[in-house]
């Protein structure tokens, strides 16, 4: 399968795909679509976030829907509300010309709007397990018309404690007339148990880990001591032409300490960790998507279901012990053919991980050179030049200059005047560095 034309999709779906600009299918789409469009079957697809799996299950899901049937025919289970909203939005784009609608249902939001949405007979419901069970219990959601259940990011749902909820929903589904499609980045013991218990003779598709990684991700590591990491992160942010990225830490305590350190240095930063309320999490994500903040420090658990476009950097402040999590993290940058940087901070004790990552990803990691004081100064001065050239209202400023200003600069040449203003605007570039032990360090 070289293009979507090879699939012989129905005209409404083919039109939607064309309008969305879909061209070459991704590896998981190449494998999954011919299987899922060929006829009813249970299915296991191994693919990470960002590999195009929503279209891999979304297109056949829309094809299977009968618009004349007013019952819910497709059910998609997601680990987080963010992912549920995102998947429902994507399915609505696919189904636009067929008249197929998807409704997102999730916890942390009022019931009224969701109940109203269910009364409008959506063909597909996309939801988080807990809230779906609530609606089943209330009798607001009926599963008698279900043809397909999709478990999206099954490993994430199970690791977040949704295994029992997930099984409750599968047991409430009419198995004689429906099929289960399970998608997961990793197939561990618990995912395997669910698959063995509920799927019948499933067909398989697996994207190799190297195929999950975009070829445009550049992987760099910096050898460092734990105590030097906060300062190194600041240097890497300063050295970037543009920084819009995620920084992954192993623990909530590290996330909070590093966020405080970066905030104290004046960066636009926020955090995601397990103790944040749903409301705080949403506020943070909205600010990040709107680029009001450009740095998000998070734990792996808190970042689940997080899919943000145009990330320039992913920094592994701590390398994850599970290497699948490494692939999952760095796969969030370099989407849609754009380039991206995956940076890992490596202590001597973790140096052995570099070789393991290289073997896993079948790619070479480059040792980075820590930017020096002069490099950072030149970078900062270059950014100031851009601001300088875009300055407006300078004529008003000139009009306010009295004789004392003219007298003060009379014996200075142009370079000295510019130099003095640069020191005023960015003193931190030119001051002597503070003694090392004064720096606040996450523990």
Protein backbone atom coordinates (compact mmCIF):
# COMPACT_ATOMS: atom_id res chain seq x y z
CA UNK A 1 0.00 0.00 0.00
CA UNK A 2 1.76 3.11 -1.27
CA UNK A 3 -1.06 5.66 -1.03
CA UNK A 4 -4.57 6.03 0.41
CA UNK A 5 -5.95 5.62 -3.13
CA UNK A 6 -4.95 1.92 -2.96
CA UNK A 7 -7.53 1.37 -0.20
CA UNK A 8 -10.57 2.09 -2.38
CA UNK A 9 -12.24 4.07 0.41
CA UNK A 10 -15.88 5.15 0.02
CA UNK A 11 -16.19 8.55 -1.80
CA UNK A 12 -17.16 10.57 1.35
CA UNK A 13 -14.13 9.22 3.25
CA UNK A 14 -11.74 9.56 0.30
CA UNK A 15 -12.86 13.18 -0.08
CA UNK A 16 -12.24 13.93 3.62
CA UNK A 17 -8.75 12.38 3.43
CA UNK A 18 -7.93 14.40 0.33
CA UNK A 19 -9.13 17.66 1.93
CA UNK A 20 -7.06 16.96 5.05
CA UNK A 21 -3.95 16.67 2.86
CA UNK A 22 -3.17 13.04 3.76
CA UNK A 23 -0.61 11.75 1.25
CA UNK A 24 1.67 8.81 2.09
CA UNK A 25 0.42 6.44 4.80
CA UNK A 26 2.63 5.95 7.89
CA UNK A 27 4.02 2.44 8.66
CA UNK A 28 1.22 1.55 11.12
CA UNK A 29 -1.41 2.76 8.61
CA UNK A 30 0.19 0.70 5.84
CA UNK A 31 -0.10 -2.43 7.97
CA UNK A 32 -3.37 -1.89 9.84
CA UNK A 33 -5.69 -0.32 7.25
CA UNK A 34 -5.77 -3.22 4.74
CA UNK A 35 -6.53 -5.65 7.62
CA UNK A 36 -9.23 -3.54 9.31
CA UNK A 37 -10.94 -2.56 6.05
CA UNK A 38 -10.95 -6.14 4.72
CA UNK A 39 -13.63 -7.45 7.07
CA UNK A 40 -14.66 -8.00 10.71
CA UNK A 41 -11.75 -9.07 12.92
CA UNK A 42 -10.18 -8.56 16.32
CA UNK A 43 -6.85 -6.77 16.08
CA UNK A 44 -3.68 -5.84 17.97
CA UNK A 45 -1.61 -2.91 16.70
CA UNK A 46 1.67 -1.96 18.37
CA UNK A 47 2.41 1.71 17.74
CA UNK A 48 3.34 4.75 19.83
CA UNK A 49 1.74 8.20 20.04
CA UNK A 50 2.53 10.26 16.95
CA UNK A 51 2.74 7.35 14.49
CA UNK A 52 -0.64 8.01 12.85
CA UNK A 53 -2.62 5.37 14.71
CA UNK A 54 -5.78 7.54 15.01
CA UNK A 55 -6.22 7.31 11.23
CA UNK A 56 -5.20 3.62 11.34
CA UNK A 57 -8.31 2.80 13.40
CA UNK A 58 -10.37 5.93 12.63
CA UNK A 59 -10.83 5.40 8.88
CA UNK A 60 -12.11 1.79 9.14
CA UNK A 61 -14.24 2.81 12.14
CA UNK A 62 -15.99 5.50 10.03
CA UNK A 63 -16.41 3.06 7.09
CA UNK A 64 -18.17 0.54 9.34
CA UNK A 65 -20.72 3.07 10.62
CA UNK A 66 -24.22 3.00 9.13
CA UNK A 67 -25.48 6.64 9.27
CA UNK A 68 -29.11 5.40 9.22
CA UNK A 69 -28.59 3.49 12.51
CA UNK A 70 -29.16 5.90 15.41
CA UNK A 71 -27.36 3.73 18.01
CA UNK A 72 -23.75 4.14 19.17
CA UNK A 73 -21.78 1.83 16.83
CA UNK A 74 -18.17 2.63 17.75
CA UNK A 75 -16.61 3.02 21.21
CA UNK A 76 -13.05 4.34 21.65
CA UNK A 77 -11.43 4.16 25.11
CA UNK A 78 -8.58 6.61 25.87
CA UNK A 79 -6.42 7.10 29.00
CA UNK A 80 -6.84 10.89 29.28
CA UNK A 81 -9.40 13.56 28.48
CA UNK A 82 -6.86 15.36 26.26
CA UNK A 83 -6.49 12.29 24.07
CA UNK A 84 -10.27 11.67 24.04
CA UNK A 85 -10.92 15.24 22.83
CA UNK A 86 -8.17 15.00 20.24
CA UNK A 87 -9.32 11.60 18.86
CA UNK A 88 -12.98 12.70 18.70
CA UNK A 89 -11.93 15.84 16.81
CA UNK A 90 -9.96 13.76 14.31
CA UNK A 91 -12.85 11.30 13.79
CA UNK A 92 -15.25 14.21 13.18
CA UNK A 93 -12.94 15.47 10.42
CA UNK A 94 -12.83 11.99 8.83
CA UNK A 95 -16.61 11.59 9.07
CA UNK A 96 -17.61 15.06 7.91
CA UNK A 97 -18.90 14.06 4.42
CA UNK A 98 -20.48 10.80 5.60
CA UNK A 99 -22.43 12.60 8.33
CA UNK A 100 -20.78 10.56 11.09
CA UNK A 101 -20.25 12.31 14.43
CA UNK A 102 -18.03 11.37 17.39
CA UNK A 103 -18.75 12.59 20.93
CA UNK A 104 -15.98 12.94 23.54
CA UNK A 105 -16.93 11.93 27.11
CA UNK A 106 -14.52 12.38 30.02
CA UNK A 107 -14.25 12.98 33.75
CA UNK A 108 -13.62 16.37 35.32
CA UNK A 109 -16.41 18.00 33.26
CA UNK A 110 -20.15 18.47 33.92
CA UNK A 111 -22.64 15.75 32.97
CA UNK A 112 -25.25 18.04 31.41
CA UNK A 113 -23.48 18.75 28.13
CA UNK A 114 -22.42 15.10 27.75
CA UNK A 115 -25.95 13.82 28.38
CA UNK A 116 -27.26 16.28 25.79
CA UNK A 117 -24.60 15.05 23.35
CA UNK A 118 -25.66 11.42 23.88
CA UNK A 119 -29.32 12.35 23.22
CA UNK A 120 -28.23 13.55 19.75
CA UNK A 121 -27.34 9.96 18.75
CA UNK A 122 -23.59 10.11 18.00
CA UNK A 123 -22.38 7.16 15.93
CA UNK A 124 -19.10 7.00 17.88
CA UNK A 125 -18.33 7.75 21.53
CA UNK A 126 -14.73 8.47 22.57
CA UNK A 127 -14.17 8.46 26.30
CA UNK A 128 -12.15 7.82 29.42
CA UNK A 129 -13.09 4.54 31.18
CA UNK A 130 -14.36 5.99 34.48
CA UNK A 131 -16.80 8.46 32.91
CA UNK A 132 -18.02 5.88 30.36
CA UNK A 133 -18.93 3.57 33.26
CA UNK A 134 -20.79 6.46 34.95
CA UNK A 135 -22.93 6.96 31.82
CA UNK A 136 -23.51 3.20 31.48
CA UNK A 137 -24.69 3.13 35.11
CA UNK A 138 -27.07 6.03 34.52
CA UNK A 139 -28.52 4.29 31.46
CA UNK A 140 -27.46 7.25 29.29
CA UNK A 141 -25.10 5.14 27.16
CA UNK A 142 -26.33 1.92 25.53
CA UNK A 143 -23.89 -0.55 23.96
CA UNK A 144 -26.36 -2.82 22.14
CA UNK A 145 -25.45 -1.33 18.73
CA UNK A 146 -21.65 -1.50 19.18
CA UNK A 147 -19.74 -2.98 16.24
CA UNK A 148 -16.23 -1.96 17.26
CA UNK A 149 -14.46 -1.21 20.53
CA UNK A 150 -11.05 0.49 20.19
CA UNK A 151 -8.63 0.42 23.13
CA UNK A 152 -6.33 3.35 22.36
CA UNK A 153 -3.02 3.38 24.30
CA UNK A 154 -4.03 0.25 26.22
CA UNK A 155 -0.73 0.12 28.13
CA UNK A 156 -1.25 3.69 29.38
CA UNK A 157 -4.82 2.93 30.52
CA UNK A 158 -3.66 -0.14 32.45
CA UNK A 159 -0.66 1.59 34.06
CA UNK A 160 -2.97 4.44 35.16
CA UNK A 161 -5.16 1.96 37.05
CA UNK A 162 -8.03 1.64 34.56
CA UNK A 163 -7.74 -2.14 34.04
CA UNK A 164 -10.89 -3.02 36.03
CA UNK A 165 -12.94 -0.23 34.39
CA UNK A 166 -11.70 -1.31 30.99
CA UNK A 167 -12.74 -4.94 31.66
CA UNK A 168 -16.15 -3.81 32.99
CA UNK A 169 -16.81 -2.03 29.68
CA UNK A 170 -15.60 -4.98 27.57
CA UNK A 171 -17.90 -7.32 29.54
CA UNK A 172 -20.87 -4.99 28.87
CA UNK A 173 -20.23 -5.07 25.11
CA UNK A 174 -22.18 -7.56 22.95
CA UNK A 175 -19.25 -9.77 21.86
CA UNK A 176 -21.32 -11.82 19.42
CA UNK A 177 -21.79 -8.78 17.16
CA UNK A 178 -18.69 -6.69 17.89
CA UNK A 179 -14.90 -6.71 17.55
CA UNK A 180 -12.06 -5.28 19.62
CA UNK A 181 -9.10 -3.37 18.19
CA UNK A 182 -6.31 -2.92 20.71
CA UNK A 183 -3.58 -0.32 20.11
CA UNK A 184 -0.62 -0.06 22.48
CA UNK A 185 2.94 1.30 22.36
CA UNK A 186 4.13 -1.65 24.45
CA UNK A 187 2.67 -5.12 24.91
CA UNK A 188 3.55 -6.02 28.51
CA UNK A 189 2.13 -8.80 30.70
CA UNK A 190 -1.02 -6.91 31.72
CA UNK A 191 -1.87 -5.84 28.16
CA UNK A 192 -1.25 -9.44 27.04
CA UNK A 193 -3.65 -10.70 29.76
CA UNK A 194 -6.44 -8.39 28.57
CA UNK A 195 -5.83 -9.39 24.95
CA UNK A 196 -5.88 -13.12 25.78
CA UNK A 197 -9.04 -12.77 27.85
CA UNK A 198 -11.14 -10.70 25.44
CA UNK A 199 -9.80 -10.86 21.87
CA UNK A 200 -10.61 -13.77 19.54
CA UNK A 201 -7.94 -14.82 17.05
CA UNK A 202 -6.69 -11.25 16.62
CA UNK A 203 -4.70 -10.21 13.57
CA UNK A 204 -1.48 -8.27 14.30
CA UNK A 205 0.46 -5.25 13.05
CA UNK A 206 3.64 -3.98 14.68
CA UNK A 207 5.70 -0.93 13.91
CA UNK A 208 9.36 -1.49 14.80
CA UNK A 209 10.69 0.91 17.41
CA UNK A 210 13.04 2.48 14.88
CA UNK A 211 10.11 3.16 12.56
CA UNK A 212 8.31 4.86 15.46
CA UNK A 213 11.11 7.42 15.56
CA UNK A 214 11.12 10.14 12.95
CA UNK A 215 14.34 10.26 10.92
CA UNK A 216 14.44 14.00 11.62
CA UNK A 217 14.94 13.55 15.40
CA UNK A 218 18.53 14.35 16.34
CA UNK A 219 19.60 12.56 19.53
CA UNK A 220 22.26 14.26 21.66
CA UNK A 221 23.55 13.44 25.14
CA UNK A 222 25.47 15.56 27.62
CA UNK A 223 27.61 13.88 30.30
CA UNK A 224 27.00 15.76 33.56
CA UNK A 225 26.76 15.44 37.33
CA UNK A 226 23.33 15.42 38.98
CA UNK A 227 24.08 18.71 40.78
CA UNK A 228 25.00 20.46 37.50
CA UNK A 229 21.79 19.52 35.64
CA UNK A 230 19.69 22.64 36.49
CA UNK A 231 22.39 24.99 35.21
CA UNK A 232 22.98 22.84 32.11
CA UNK A 233 19.26 22.97 31.27
CA UNK A 234 19.37 26.79 31.43
CA UNK A 235 22.37 26.86 29.07
CA UNK A 236 20.66 24.53 26.58
CA UNK A 237 17.51 26.68 26.56
CA UNK A 238 19.60 29.84 26.08
CA UNK A 239 21.64 28.23 23.28
CA UNK A 240 18.54 27.28 21.26
CA UNK A 241 17.40 29.57 18.43
CA UNK A 242 13.89 28.76 19.60
CA UNK A 243 12.84 26.51 22.49
CA UNK A 244 9.34 25.03 22.67
CA UNK A 245 9.64 21.76 24.47
CA UNK A 246 9.11 19.19 27.19
CA UNK A 247 11.54 18.34 29.98
CA UNK A 248 10.99 14.89 31.51
CA UNK A 249 11.95 14.16 35.13
CA UNK A 250 11.72 10.84 36.94
CA UNK A 251 9.85 12.10 40.03
CA UNK A 252 7.28 14.72 41.00
CA UNK A 253 9.79 16.27 43.46
CA UNK A 254 12.31 16.80 40.65
CA UNK A 255 9.61 18.31 38.44
CA UNK A 256 8.64 20.82 41.12
CA UNK A 257 12.24 21.76 41.98
CA UNK A 258 13.31 22.22 38.37
CA UNK A 259 10.17 24.25 37.55
CA UNK A 260 10.91 26.54 40.50
CA UNK A 261 14.56 26.88 39.41
CA UNK A 262 13.62 27.80 35.81
CA UNK A 263 10.84 30.13 36.91
CA UNK A 264 13.30 31.90 39.22
CA UNK A 265 15.54 32.46 36.20
CA UNK A 266 12.70 34.20 34.36
CA UNK A 267 11.67 31.45 31.95
CA UNK A 268 8.04 30.96 30.88
CA UNK A 269 7.62 27.52 32.41
CA UNK A 270 4.97 25.32 34.02
CA UNK A 271 4.72 21.72 35.17
CA UNK A 272 2.58 18.59 34.91
CA UNK A 273 2.68 16.01 37.70
CA UNK A 274 0.32 13.57 39.40
CA UNK A 275 -0.89 15.95 42.12
CA UNK A 276 -2.25 18.58 39.73
CA UNK A 277 -6.03 18.90 39.58
CA UNK A 278 -7.77 18.40 36.24
CA UNK A 279 -8.54 22.13 36.16
CA UNK A 280 -4.88 23.09 36.72
CA UNK A 281 -3.78 20.55 34.15
CA UNK A 282 -6.15 22.00 31.54
CA UNK A 283 -5.04 25.55 32.30
CA UNK A 284 -1.38 24.55 31.92
CA UNK A 285 -2.01 22.68 28.66
CA UNK A 286 -3.98 25.58 27.18
CA UNK A 287 -1.16 28.02 28.04
CA UNK A 288 1.40 25.64 26.50
CA UNK A 289 -0.59 25.06 23.29
CA UNK A 290 -1.10 28.83 22.93
CA UNK A 291 2.65 29.27 23.57
CA UNK A 292 2.11 31.58 26.52
CA UNK A 293 4.61 29.24 28.16
CA UNK A 294 7.28 27.51 26.10
CA UNK A 295 8.70 25.02 28.62
CA UNK A 296 6.74 22.20 30.24
CA UNK A 297 8.42 20.09 32.95
CA UNK A 298 6.64 16.78 33.52
CA UNK A 299 6.69 13.18 34.68
CA UNK A 300 5.92 10.34 32.26
CA UNK A 301 2.59 9.56 33.97
CA UNK A 302 1.42 13.19 33.88
CA UNK A 303 2.33 13.56 30.19
CA UNK A 304 0.25 10.60 29.00
CA UNK A 305 -2.05 11.36 26.12
CA UNK A 306 -0.21 14.65 25.63
CA UNK A 307 0.13 15.42 21.93
CA UNK A 308 1.42 18.87 21.06
CA UNK A 309 2.49 19.91 17.57
CA UNK A 310 5.68 21.77 16.61
CA UNK A 311 7.83 20.83 19.61
CA UNK A 312 11.46 21.76 18.97
CA UNK A 313 13.02 19.95 21.95
CA UNK A 314 12.50 17.04 24.30
CA UNK A 315 14.96 16.96 27.20
CA UNK A 316 15.43 13.81 29.29
CA UNK A 317 16.48 15.39 32.57
CA UNK A 318 16.48 11.81 33.82
CA UNK A 319 16.76 8.90 31.36
CA UNK A 320 13.78 6.58 31.93
CA UNK A 321 14.53 3.08 33.22
CA UNK A 322 12.08 1.65 30.69
CA UNK A 323 13.60 2.28 27.27
CA UNK A 324 10.19 2.08 25.58
CA UNK A 325 9.37 5.25 27.54
CA UNK A 326 12.47 6.87 25.97
CA UNK A 327 11.16 6.19 22.45
CA UNK A 328 7.73 7.39 23.51
CA UNK A 329 9.13 10.64 24.93
CA UNK A 330 11.38 11.62 22.05
CA UNK A 331 8.79 10.64 19.46
CA UNK A 332 6.86 13.74 20.52
CA UNK A 333 9.27 16.02 18.63
CA UNK A 334 10.04 16.09 14.88
CA UNK A 335 6.45 15.44 13.82
CA UNK A 336 5.20 15.90 10.26
CA UNK A 337 8.69 15.94 8.77
CA UNK A 338 9.92 18.83 10.93
CA UNK A 339 13.28 18.50 12.66
CA UNK A 340 13.58 18.14 16.41
CA UNK A 341 16.19 17.69 19.13
CA UNK A 342 16.09 14.93 21.74
CA UNK A 343 18.59 15.77 24.50
CA UNK A 344 19.55 13.43 27.35
CA UNK A 345 21.47 14.47 30.47
CA UNK A 346 23.62 11.51 31.48
CA UNK A 347 25.36 11.04 34.82
CA UNK A 348 28.39 8.69 35.06
CA UNK A 349 26.17 6.03 36.70
CA UNK A 350 23.82 6.06 33.68
CA UNK A 351 26.46 6.20 30.96
CA UNK A 352 25.81 2.54 30.06
CA UNK A 353 22.25 3.56 28.96
CA UNK A 354 23.63 5.32 25.87
CA UNK A 355 24.68 2.04 24.27
CA UNK A 356 21.35 0.42 25.12
CA UNK A 357 19.44 3.34 23.54
CA UNK A 358 21.62 3.18 20.41
CA UNK A 359 20.95 -0.55 20.07
CA UNK A 360 17.22 -0.06 20.61
CA UNK A 361 16.81 2.82 18.15
CA UNK A 362 19.45 1.55 15.69
CA UNK A 363 20.83 5.09 15.58
CA UNK A 364 23.89 6.88 16.90
CA UNK A 365 23.65 9.43 19.70
CA UNK A 366 26.00 12.40 19.47
CA UNK A 367 27.88 13.70 22.50
CA UNK A 368 26.99 17.38 22.86
CA UNK A 369 29.35 20.21 23.68
CA UNK A 370 28.15 22.37 26.57
CA UNK A 371 27.77 25.92 25.25
CA UNK A 372 30.36 28.26 26.77
CA UNK A 373 29.80 31.70 28.28
CA UNK A 374 30.94 33.46 25.09
CA UNK A 375 28.67 31.30 22.86
CA UNK A 376 25.66 32.08 25.06
CA UNK A 377 26.55 35.78 25.16
CA UNK A 378 26.77 35.95 21.36
CA UNK A 379 23.43 34.13 21.05
CA UNK A 380 21.74 36.55 23.47
CA UNK A 381 23.22 39.61 21.78
CA UNK A 382 22.04 38.28 18.39
CA UNK A 383 18.48 37.97 19.78
CA UNK A 384 18.70 41.52 21.11
CA UNK A 385 19.65 42.72 17.61
CA UNK A 386 16.35 41.33 16.27
CA UNK A 387 14.47 43.26 18.97
CA UNK A 388 16.58 46.35 18.26
CA UNK A 389 15.73 46.27 14.55
CA UNK A 390 12.03 45.91 15.27
CA UNK A 391 11.91 48.79 17.77
CA UNK A 392 9.23 51.45 17.16
CA UNK A 393 8.74 54.93 18.67
CA UNK A 394 12.51 55.58 18.90
CA UNK A 395 11.88 59.12 17.56
CA UNK A 396 9.82 59.85 20.69
CA UNK A 397 12.74 58.68 22.84
CA UNK A 398 15.18 60.94 20.95
CA UNK A 399 12.87 63.91 21.58
CA UNK A 400 13.22 63.36 25.33
CA UNK A 401 17.04 63.44 25.31
CA UNK A 402 18.27 66.58 27.08
CA UNK A 403 21.71 68.21 26.96
CA UNK A 404 22.99 65.95 29.75
CA UNK A 405 22.58 62.90 27.45
CA UNK A 406 24.32 64.64 24.53
CA UNK A 407 27.16 65.70 26.82
CA UNK A 408 27.49 62.18 28.27
CA UNK A 409 27.95 60.50 24.86
CA UNK A 410 29.92 63.30 23.18
CA UNK A 411 33.31 61.57 23.60
CA UNK A 412 32.05 57.99 23.01
CA UNK A 413 32.18 56.18 19.68
CA UNK A 414 29.16 54.23 18.39
CA UNK A 415 30.44 50.84 19.59
CA UNK A 416 30.89 52.06 23.15
CA UNK A 417 27.34 53.49 23.19
CA UNK A 418 25.90 50.20 21.89
CA UNK A 419 28.04 48.21 24.33
CA UNK A 420 26.86 50.24 27.32
CA UNK A 421 23.19 49.77 26.33
CA UNK A 422 23.69 46.00 25.91
CA UNK A 423 25.15 45.75 29.44
CA UNK A 424 22.13 47.72 30.76
CA UNK A 425 19.58 45.51 28.96
CA UNK A 426 21.22 42.11 29.61
CA UNK A 427 23.62 42.48 32.55
CA UNK A 428 23.59 38.73 33.22
CA UNK A 429 25.50 38.11 29.96
CA UNK A 430 28.41 40.28 31.00
CA UNK A 431 28.63 39.86 34.78
CA UNK A 432 31.12 37.43 36.35
CA UNK A 433 29.41 34.08 37.05
CA UNK A 434 28.20 33.52 40.63
CA UNK A 435 30.19 31.02 42.71
CA UNK A 436 29.06 27.47 41.84
CA UNK A 437 27.74 26.55 45.30
CA UNK A 438 25.23 29.44 45.32
CA UNK A 439 23.11 27.90 42.56
CA UNK A 440 19.80 26.44 43.75
CA UNK A 441 19.76 22.79 42.79
CA UNK A 442 16.98 20.27 42.62
CA UNK A 443 17.84 17.37 44.86
